[in-house]
Amino acid sequence: MPASPGFPLVSDTPALTTNAKQNECYLLNCDISQAGAGGSITITGITVDAQGVHVTVALTRTAGYNGGINGTLKLQGTADLATAPATLTEGVSVVNEKFATDGPATATFTGSGATFFKAIVE
């Protein structure tokens, strides 16, 4: 059975690989047609102080970078470990000026009363 457009079958490995690469290149804003296009976004640190919760994110690129990324840095938090973390109301666009180079970018959140934190980019 052939795969439906946009919905590959599990056995359709080439389509799954292509879709995963397309998703990666979309998030990183790279040109998938360039050889070696891609990279990664890594949460490298979360620190808490009187000013808020600071999340540091590093971007590495292999090729095909078009500037900026298509993603939002979000902070999840919970008051205790018995409660699942929820996305806090604020979100930060990870925009071009934050990644002028491959160096890390840091965003600050209020924390909204949470004690335990988890950062994600989506």
N, C-alpha and C. Protein backbone atom coordinates (compact mmCIF):
# COMPACT_ATOMS: atom_id res chain seq x y z
N MET A 1 0.84 -1.17 0.00
CA MET A 1 0.00 0.00 0.00
C MET A 1 0.90 1.25 0.00
N PRO A 2 0.71 2.17 -0.94
CA PRO A 2 1.55 3.37 -0.96
C PRO A 2 1.19 4.32 0.18
N ALA A 3 2.15 5.12 0.56
CA ALA A 3 1.93 6.09 1.63
C ALA A 3 1.04 7.22 1.15
N SER A 4 0.20 7.73 2.04
CA SER A 4 -0.61 8.90 1.73
C SER A 4 0.28 10.12 1.75
N PRO A 5 0.00 11.13 0.92
CA PRO A 5 0.82 12.34 0.94
C PRO A 5 0.85 12.96 2.33
N GLY A 6 2.04 13.16 2.86
CA GLY A 6 2.19 13.77 4.18
C GLY A 6 2.05 12.81 5.33
N PHE A 7 1.60 11.58 5.08
CA PHE A 7 1.42 10.62 6.15
C PHE A 7 2.06 9.29 5.75
N PRO A 8 3.38 9.17 5.86
CA PRO A 8 4.05 7.96 5.42
C PRO A 8 3.71 6.76 6.31
N LEU A 9 3.73 5.59 5.70
CA LEU A 9 3.56 4.37 6.46
C LEU A 9 4.82 4.13 7.29
N VAL A 10 4.68 3.41 8.39
CA VAL A 10 5.84 3.12 9.23
C VAL A 10 6.91 2.39 8.45
N SER A 11 6.49 1.53 7.51
CA SER A 11 7.45 0.78 6.73
C SER A 11 8.10 1.63 5.63
N ASP A 12 7.62 2.86 5.44
CA ASP A 12 8.12 3.72 4.38
C ASP A 12 9.32 4.53 4.91
N THR A 13 10.44 3.84 5.14
CA THR A 13 11.62 4.46 5.75
C THR A 13 12.14 5.67 5.00
N PRO A 14 12.29 5.65 3.66
CA PRO A 14 12.78 6.85 2.97
C PRO A 14 11.88 8.06 3.21
N ALA A 15 10.56 7.86 3.19
CA ALA A 15 9.64 8.98 3.42
C ALA A 15 9.77 9.50 4.85
N LEU A 16 9.92 8.57 5.82
CA LEU A 16 10.09 9.00 7.21
C LEU A 16 11.36 9.82 7.36
N THR A 17 12.44 9.36 6.75
CA THR A 17 13.71 10.08 6.81
C THR A 17 13.58 11.45 6.17
N THR A 18 12.94 11.52 5.02
CA THR A 18 12.75 12.79 4.34
C THR A 18 11.89 13.74 5.16
N ASN A 19 10.79 13.23 5.74
CA ASN A 19 9.92 14.07 6.55
C ASN A 19 10.64 14.57 7.80
N ALA A 20 11.44 13.73 8.43
CA ALA A 20 12.19 14.16 9.61
C ALA A 20 13.18 15.25 9.21
N LYS A 21 13.85 15.11 8.08
CA LYS A 21 14.81 16.11 7.60
C LYS A 21 14.08 17.40 7.26
N GLN A 22 12.90 17.30 6.64
CA GLN A 22 12.12 18.49 6.33
C GLN A 22 11.72 19.23 7.60
N ASN A 23 11.31 18.49 8.63
CA ASN A 23 10.94 19.11 9.90
C ASN A 23 12.14 19.80 10.54
N GLU A 24 13.30 19.12 10.53
CA GLU A 24 14.52 19.70 11.08
C GLU A 24 14.90 20.97 10.33
N CYS A 25 14.87 20.90 9.01
CA CYS A 25 15.26 22.07 8.20
C CYS A 25 14.25 23.19 8.34
N TYR A 26 12.97 22.88 8.52
CA TYR A 26 11.99 23.94 8.75
C TYR A 26 12.28 24.65 10.07
N LEU A 27 12.46 23.88 11.15
CA LEU A 27 12.72 24.47 12.46
C LEU A 27 13.98 25.32 12.44
N LEU A 28 15.04 24.83 11.77
CA LEU A 28 16.31 25.54 11.73
C LEU A 28 16.38 26.58 10.61
N ASN A 29 15.35 26.63 9.75
CA ASN A 29 15.30 27.56 8.63
C ASN A 29 16.50 27.35 7.70
N CYS A 30 16.70 26.08 7.28
CA CYS A 30 17.76 25.80 6.32
C CYS A 30 17.17 25.29 5.02
N ASP A 31 17.96 25.39 3.99
CA ASP A 31 17.58 24.97 2.66
C ASP A 31 17.89 23.47 2.53
N ILE A 32 16.84 22.65 2.51
CA ILE A 32 17.02 21.20 2.50
C ILE A 32 17.70 20.72 1.23
N SER A 33 17.68 21.52 0.17
CA SER A 33 18.30 21.09 -1.08
C SER A 33 19.83 21.16 -1.03
N GLN A 34 20.40 21.84 -0.04
CA GLN A 34 21.86 21.91 0.08
C GLN A 34 22.38 20.65 0.77
N ALA A 35 23.47 20.13 0.27
CA ALA A 35 24.07 18.94 0.87
C ALA A 35 24.46 19.22 2.32
N GLY A 36 24.11 18.33 3.21
CA GLY A 36 24.48 18.47 4.63
C GLY A 36 23.65 19.48 5.38
N ALA A 37 22.54 19.96 4.82
CA ALA A 37 21.71 20.96 5.50
C ALA A 37 21.19 20.39 6.81
N GLY A 38 21.19 21.22 7.83
CA GLY A 38 20.65 20.80 9.13
C GLY A 38 21.41 21.40 10.28
N GLY A 39 21.26 20.79 11.42
CA GLY A 39 21.91 21.26 12.63
C GLY A 39 21.10 20.85 13.84
N SER A 40 21.27 21.58 14.94
CA SER A 40 20.53 21.24 16.15
C SER A 40 20.37 22.46 17.04
N ILE A 41 19.35 22.41 17.87
CA ILE A 41 19.11 23.41 18.91
C ILE A 41 19.22 22.65 20.22
N THR A 42 20.02 23.17 21.15
CA THR A 42 20.24 22.49 22.41
C THR A 42 20.00 23.44 23.57
N ILE A 43 19.20 23.02 24.54
CA ILE A 43 19.04 23.78 25.78
C ILE A 43 20.30 23.47 26.59
N THR A 44 21.12 24.48 26.82
CA THR A 44 22.40 24.23 27.49
C THR A 44 22.39 24.60 28.97
N GLY A 45 21.36 25.32 29.42
CA GLY A 45 21.32 25.65 30.83
C GLY A 45 20.04 26.35 31.24
N ILE A 46 19.67 26.12 32.50
CA ILE A 46 18.56 26.84 33.12
C ILE A 46 19.06 27.28 34.49
N THR A 47 19.03 28.59 34.73
CA THR A 47 19.42 29.13 36.03
C THR A 47 18.29 29.99 36.56
N VAL A 48 18.19 30.03 37.88
CA VAL A 48 17.14 30.80 38.54
C VAL A 48 17.79 31.78 39.50
N ASP A 49 17.35 33.05 39.44
CA ASP A 49 17.81 34.05 40.39
C ASP A 49 16.66 35.02 40.66
N ALA A 50 16.94 36.10 41.36
CA ALA A 50 15.89 37.05 41.73
C ALA A 50 15.22 37.70 40.51
N GLN A 51 15.92 37.77 39.38
CA GLN A 51 15.36 38.39 38.18
C GLN A 51 14.46 37.45 37.38
N GLY A 52 14.57 36.15 37.59
CA GLY A 52 13.73 35.20 36.86
C GLY A 52 14.44 33.91 36.54
N VAL A 53 13.89 33.21 35.57
CA VAL A 53 14.44 31.93 35.10
C VAL A 53 15.11 32.21 33.76
N HIS A 54 16.41 31.93 33.68
CA HIS A 54 17.20 32.21 32.48
C HIS A 54 17.47 30.89 31.76
N VAL A 55 17.05 30.82 30.51
CA VAL A 55 17.23 29.62 29.70
C VAL A 55 18.23 29.94 28.59
N THR A 56 19.31 29.16 28.53
CA THR A 56 20.33 29.36 27.51
C THR A 56 20.18 28.29 26.44
N VAL A 57 20.19 28.73 25.18
CA VAL A 57 19.98 27.85 24.04
C VAL A 57 21.13 28.04 23.07
N ALA A 58 21.68 26.93 22.57
CA ALA A 58 22.75 26.99 21.57
C ALA A 58 22.23 26.44 20.26
N LEU A 59 22.64 27.06 19.18
CA LEU A 59 22.28 26.64 17.83
C LEU A 59 23.55 26.24 17.11
N THR A 60 23.54 25.05 16.52
CA THR A 60 24.65 24.64 15.66
C THR A 60 24.06 24.36 14.28
N ARG A 61 24.79 24.75 13.26
CA ARG A 61 24.32 24.56 11.89
C ARG A 61 25.37 23.78 11.12
N THR A 62 24.91 22.90 10.23
CA THR A 62 25.86 22.17 9.39
C THR A 62 25.94 22.81 8.01
N ALA A 63 24.81 23.24 7.45
CA ALA A 63 24.80 23.88 6.12
C ALA A 63 23.40 24.36 5.82
N GLY A 64 23.30 25.24 4.83
CA GLY A 64 22.00 25.64 4.31
C GLY A 64 21.23 26.63 5.15
N TYR A 65 21.90 27.31 6.09
CA TYR A 65 21.19 28.20 7.00
C TYR A 65 20.74 29.46 6.29
N ASN A 66 19.46 29.82 6.46
CA ASN A 66 18.89 30.99 5.80
C ASN A 66 18.72 32.19 6.72
N GLY A 67 19.08 32.09 8.00
CA GLY A 67 18.92 33.19 8.94
C GLY A 67 17.66 33.02 9.78
N GLY A 68 17.77 33.26 11.07
CA GLY A 68 16.64 33.08 11.97
C GLY A 68 16.26 31.61 12.07
N ILE A 69 15.36 31.29 12.97
CA ILE A 69 14.81 29.93 13.00
C ILE A 69 13.31 30.05 13.16
N ASN A 70 12.62 28.99 12.86
CA ASN A 70 11.17 28.93 13.03
C ASN A 70 10.91 28.14 14.30
N GLY A 71 10.84 28.80 15.43
CA GLY A 71 10.62 28.09 16.67
C GLY A 71 10.34 29.04 17.81
N THR A 72 9.74 28.52 18.85
CA THR A 72 9.46 29.29 20.05
C THR A 72 10.04 28.55 21.24
N LEU A 73 10.80 29.26 22.03
CA LEU A 73 11.34 28.72 23.27
C LEU A 73 10.25 28.83 24.32
N LYS A 74 9.91 27.71 24.93
CA LYS A 74 8.87 27.70 25.96
C LYS A 74 9.43 27.14 27.24
N LEU A 75 8.91 27.63 28.34
CA LEU A 75 9.32 27.15 29.66
C LEU A 75 8.14 26.45 30.30
N GLN A 76 8.38 25.22 30.75
CA GLN A 76 7.37 24.49 31.50
C GLN A 76 7.77 24.50 32.95
N GLY A 77 6.80 24.47 33.84
CA GLY A 77 7.12 24.50 35.25
C GLY A 77 6.06 23.84 36.10
N THR A 78 6.46 23.50 37.32
CA THR A 78 5.55 22.91 38.30
C THR A 78 6.05 23.29 39.69
N ALA A 79 5.13 23.36 40.64
CA ALA A 79 5.49 23.72 42.01
C ALA A 79 6.10 22.55 42.77
N ASP A 80 5.77 21.30 42.36
CA ASP A 80 6.30 20.12 43.03
C ASP A 80 6.45 18.98 42.04
N LEU A 81 7.22 17.99 42.39
CA LEU A 81 7.49 16.89 41.48
C LEU A 81 6.33 15.92 41.32
N ALA A 82 5.31 16.04 42.17
CA ALA A 82 4.15 15.16 42.06
C ALA A 82 3.19 15.66 40.98
N THR A 83 3.36 16.89 40.53
CA THR A 83 2.49 17.49 39.52
C THR A 83 3.25 17.61 38.21
N ALA A 84 2.62 17.20 37.12
CA ALA A 84 3.27 17.29 35.81
C ALA A 84 3.52 18.75 35.44
N PRO A 85 4.66 19.05 34.81
CA PRO A 85 4.92 20.43 34.39
C PRO A 85 3.94 20.88 33.32
N ALA A 86 3.58 22.15 33.37
CA ALA A 86 2.70 22.75 32.37
C ALA A 86 3.43 23.92 31.73
N THR A 87 3.10 24.20 30.48
CA THR A 87 3.73 25.33 29.81
C THR A 87 3.28 26.61 30.49
N LEU A 88 4.23 27.43 30.88
CA LEU A 88 3.92 28.71 31.50
C LEU A 88 3.38 29.64 30.42
N THR A 89 2.66 30.64 30.81
CA THR A 89 1.95 31.48 29.84
C THR A 89 2.87 32.21 28.87
N GLU A 90 4.06 32.54 29.31
CA GLU A 90 4.93 33.28 28.41
C GLU A 90 5.71 32.36 27.48
N GLY A 91 6.00 32.84 26.30
CA GLY A 91 6.83 32.13 25.34
C GLY A 91 7.72 33.14 24.67
N VAL A 92 8.87 32.73 24.20
CA VAL A 92 9.82 33.65 23.58
C VAL A 92 10.13 33.14 22.18
N SER A 93 9.93 33.99 21.20
CA SER A 93 10.32 33.63 19.84
C SER A 93 11.84 33.60 19.77
N VAL A 94 12.38 32.55 19.20
CA VAL A 94 13.82 32.46 19.00
C VAL A 94 14.06 33.08 17.64
N VAL A 95 14.41 34.35 17.65
CA VAL A 95 14.47 35.12 16.41
C VAL A 95 15.91 35.33 15.96
N ASN A 96 16.02 35.85 14.75
CA ASN A 96 17.30 35.97 14.07
C ASN A 96 18.38 36.63 14.91
N GLU A 97 18.09 37.75 15.58
CA GLU A 97 19.14 38.46 16.31
C GLU A 97 19.71 37.65 17.47
N LYS A 98 18.96 36.67 17.97
CA LYS A 98 19.48 35.85 19.05
C LYS A 98 20.54 34.87 18.56
N PHE A 99 20.57 34.59 17.27
CA PHE A 99 21.51 33.64 16.71
C PHE A 99 22.28 34.25 15.55
N ALA A 100 22.81 35.45 15.75
CA ALA A 100 23.61 36.09 14.71
C ALA A 100 24.84 35.25 14.40
N THR A 101 25.31 34.51 15.40
CA THR A 101 26.41 33.56 15.23
C THR A 101 25.95 32.25 15.86
N ASP A 102 26.81 31.27 15.91
CA ASP A 102 26.45 30.01 16.55
C ASP A 102 26.45 30.10 18.07
N GLY A 103 26.82 31.24 18.61
CA GLY A 103 26.89 31.40 20.06
C GLY A 103 25.54 31.20 20.71
N PRO A 104 25.53 30.96 22.02
CA PRO A 104 24.27 30.72 22.71
C PRO A 104 23.47 32.00 22.88
N ALA A 105 22.17 31.85 23.03
CA ALA A 105 21.25 32.94 23.32
C ALA A 105 20.58 32.63 24.66
N THR A 106 20.28 33.66 25.43
CA THR A 106 19.62 33.46 26.71
C THR A 106 18.33 34.26 26.75
N ALA A 107 17.26 33.61 27.19
CA ALA A 107 15.96 34.26 27.36
C ALA A 107 15.59 34.18 28.84
N THR A 108 14.89 35.20 29.33
CA THR A 108 14.49 35.23 30.73
C THR A 108 12.97 35.16 30.85
N PHE A 109 12.52 34.30 31.76
CA PHE A 109 11.09 34.12 32.04
C PHE A 109 10.83 34.49 33.50
N THR A 110 9.58 34.79 33.83
CA THR A 110 9.25 35.12 35.23
C THR A 110 9.20 33.89 36.11
N GLY A 111 8.88 32.74 35.56
CA GLY A 111 8.80 31.52 36.36
C GLY A 111 7.41 31.23 36.86
N SER A 112 6.56 32.23 36.96
CA SER A 112 5.15 32.09 37.34
C SER A 112 4.93 31.23 38.58
N GLY A 113 5.79 31.35 39.57
CA GLY A 113 5.61 30.65 40.84
C GLY A 113 6.03 29.20 40.86
N ALA A 114 6.57 28.69 39.77
CA ALA A 114 7.01 27.29 39.74
C ALA A 114 8.35 27.14 40.45
N THR A 115 8.64 25.91 40.84
CA THR A 115 9.90 25.60 41.51
C THR A 115 10.79 24.75 40.62
N PHE A 116 10.20 23.87 39.80
CA PHE A 116 10.93 22.97 38.92
C PHE A 116 10.61 23.37 37.48
N PHE A 117 11.65 23.36 36.61
CA PHE A 117 11.48 23.87 35.25
C PHE A 117 12.02 22.91 34.20
N LYS A 118 11.42 23.03 33.00
CA LYS A 118 11.85 22.28 31.82
C LYS A 118 11.67 23.22 30.63
N ALA A 119 12.68 23.34 29.78
CA ALA A 119 12.59 24.21 28.60
C ALA A 119 12.47 23.35 27.34
N ILE A 120 11.69 23.85 26.38
CA ILE A 120 11.52 23.18 25.10
C ILE A 120 11.51 24.21 23.98
N VAL A 121 11.88 23.79 22.79
CA VAL A 121 11.75 24.62 21.59
C VAL A 121 10.82 23.86 20.66
N GLU A 122 9.77 24.53 20.24
CA GLU A 122 8.83 23.88 19.30
C GLU A 122 8.31 24.88 18.30
